Amino acid sequence: MNKQKIIFRVIKQARIENYSKVIVKNYASALKLFLQWVSALKVSKISCIIAYKKNNVL
């Protein structure tokens, strides 16, 4: 998946969850920087677990 598609999906989900415009903008900006950093590392695959549930912590 390309960077723009990833950023778009995060923005879309944040809007669905009714995050403020400022938070959505900050998330998108931070994600863009992270993806640029990962690209510079020339990593071919990133695996991670994303857990998001209110009141739950990993």
C-alpha atoms as a PDB file:
ATOM      1  CA  MET A   1       0.000   0.000   0.000  1.00  0.00           C
ATOM      2  CA  ASN A   2       1.425   3.381  -0.901  1.00  0.00           C
ATOM      3  CA  LYS A   3       1.975   6.203   1.577  1.00  0.00           C
ATOM      4  CA  GLN A   4      -0.886   8.387   0.362  1.00  0.00           C
ATOM      5  CA  LYS A   5      -3.352   5.522   0.674  1.00  0.00           C
ATOM      6  CA  ILE A   6      -2.216   4.786   4.229  1.00  0.00           C
ATOM      7  CA  ILE A   7      -2.552   8.440   5.237  1.00  0.00           C
ATOM      8  CA  PHE A   8      -5.983   8.653   3.590  1.00  0.00           C
ATOM      9  CA  ARG A   9      -7.209   5.568   5.480  1.00  0.00           C
ATOM     10  CA  VAL A  10      -6.008   6.956   8.816  1.00  0.00           C
ATOM     11  CA  ILE A  11      -7.691  10.307   8.143  1.00  0.00           C
ATOM     12  CA  LYS A  12     -10.902   8.578   7.086  1.00  0.00           C
ATOM     13  CA  GLN A  13     -10.984   6.422  10.225  1.00  0.00           C
ATOM     14  CA  ALA A  14     -10.238   9.392  12.490  1.00  0.00           C
ATOM     15  CA  ARG A  15     -13.129  11.309  10.918  1.00  0.00           C
ATOM     16  CA  ILE A  16     -15.457   8.319  11.337  1.00  0.00           C
ATOM     17  CA  GLU A  17     -14.512   8.274  15.018  1.00  0.00           C
ATOM     18  CA  ASN A  18     -15.334  11.987  15.169  1.00  0.00           C
ATOM     19  CA  TYR A  19     -11.843  13.221  16.058  1.00  0.00           C
ATOM     20  CA  SER A  20     -11.392  16.978  15.898  1.00  0.00           C
ATOM     21  CA  LYS A  21      -9.960  18.536  12.735  1.00  0.00           C
ATOM     22  CA  VAL A  22      -6.819  19.505  14.637  1.00  0.00           C
ATOM     23  CA  ILE A  23      -6.235  15.941  15.836  1.00  0.00           C
ATOM     24  CA  VAL A  24      -6.805  14.557  12.326  1.00  0.00           C
ATOM     25  CA  LYS A  25      -4.320  17.060  10.910  1.00  0.00           C
ATOM     26  CA  ASN A  26      -1.735  16.182  13.586  1.00  0.00           C
ATOM     27  CA  TYR A  27      -2.155  12.438  13.060  1.00  0.00           C
ATOM     28  CA  ALA A  28      -1.748  12.835   9.307  1.00  0.00           C
ATOM     29  CA  SER A  29       1.354  14.977   9.740  1.00  0.00           C
ATOM     30  CA  ALA A  30       2.976  12.573  12.219  1.00  0.00           C
ATOM     31  CA  LEU A  31       2.141   9.579  10.044  1.00  0.00           C
ATOM     32  CA  LYS A  32       3.627  11.280   6.992  1.00  0.00           C
ATOM     33  CA  LEU A  33       6.883  11.895   8.865  1.00  0.00           C
ATOM     34  CA  PHE A  34       6.945   8.309  10.140  1.00  0.00           C
ATOM     35  CA  LEU A  35       6.410   6.897   6.655  1.00  0.00           C
ATOM     36  CA  GLN A  36       9.196   9.108   5.268  1.00  0.00           C
ATOM     37  CA  TRP A  37      11.513   7.817   8.002  1.00  0.00           C
ATOM     38  CA  VAL A  38      10.619   4.204   7.257  1.00  0.00           C
ATOM     39  CA  SER A  39      11.181   4.785   3.529  1.00  0.00           C
ATOM     40  CA  ALA A  40      14.641   6.139   4.260  1.00  0.00           C
ATOM     41  CA  LEU A  41      15.440   2.902   6.098  1.00  0.00           C
ATOM     42  CA  LYS A  42      14.532   0.960   2.953  1.00  0.00           C
ATOM     43  CA  VAL A  43      12.384  -1.426   4.955  1.00  0.00           C
ATOM     44  CA  SER A  44      10.336  -3.742   2.780  1.00  0.00           C
ATOM     45  CA  LYS A  45       7.729  -4.727   5.361  1.00  0.00           C
ATOM     46  CA  ILE A  46       6.516  -3.427   8.686  1.00  0.00           C
ATOM     47  CA  SER A  47       4.615  -5.658  11.047  1.00  0.00           C
ATOM     48  CA  CYS A  48       2.885  -4.265  14.064  1.00  0.00           C
ATOM     49  CA  ILE A  49      -0.095  -4.707  16.307  1.00  0.00           C
ATOM     50  CA  ILE A  50      -2.407  -1.748  16.619  1.00  0.00           C
ATOM     51  CA  ALA A  51      -4.798  -2.029  19.509  1.00  0.00           C
ATOM     52  CA  TYR A  52      -7.413   0.618  19.904  1.00  0.00           C
ATOM     53  CA  LYS A  53     -10.221   0.217  22.351  1.00  0.00           C
ATOM     54  CA  LYS A  54     -11.371   2.768  24.809  1.00  0.00           C
ATOM     55  CA  ASN A  55     -10.358   1.877  28.356  1.00  0.00           C
ATOM     56  CA  ASN A  56      -8.061  -0.951  27.236  1.00  0.00           C
ATOM     57  CA  VAL A  57      -4.280  -0.864  27.288  1.00  0.00           C
ATOM     58  CA  LEU A  58      -1.849  -3.440  25.937  1.00  0.00           C
END
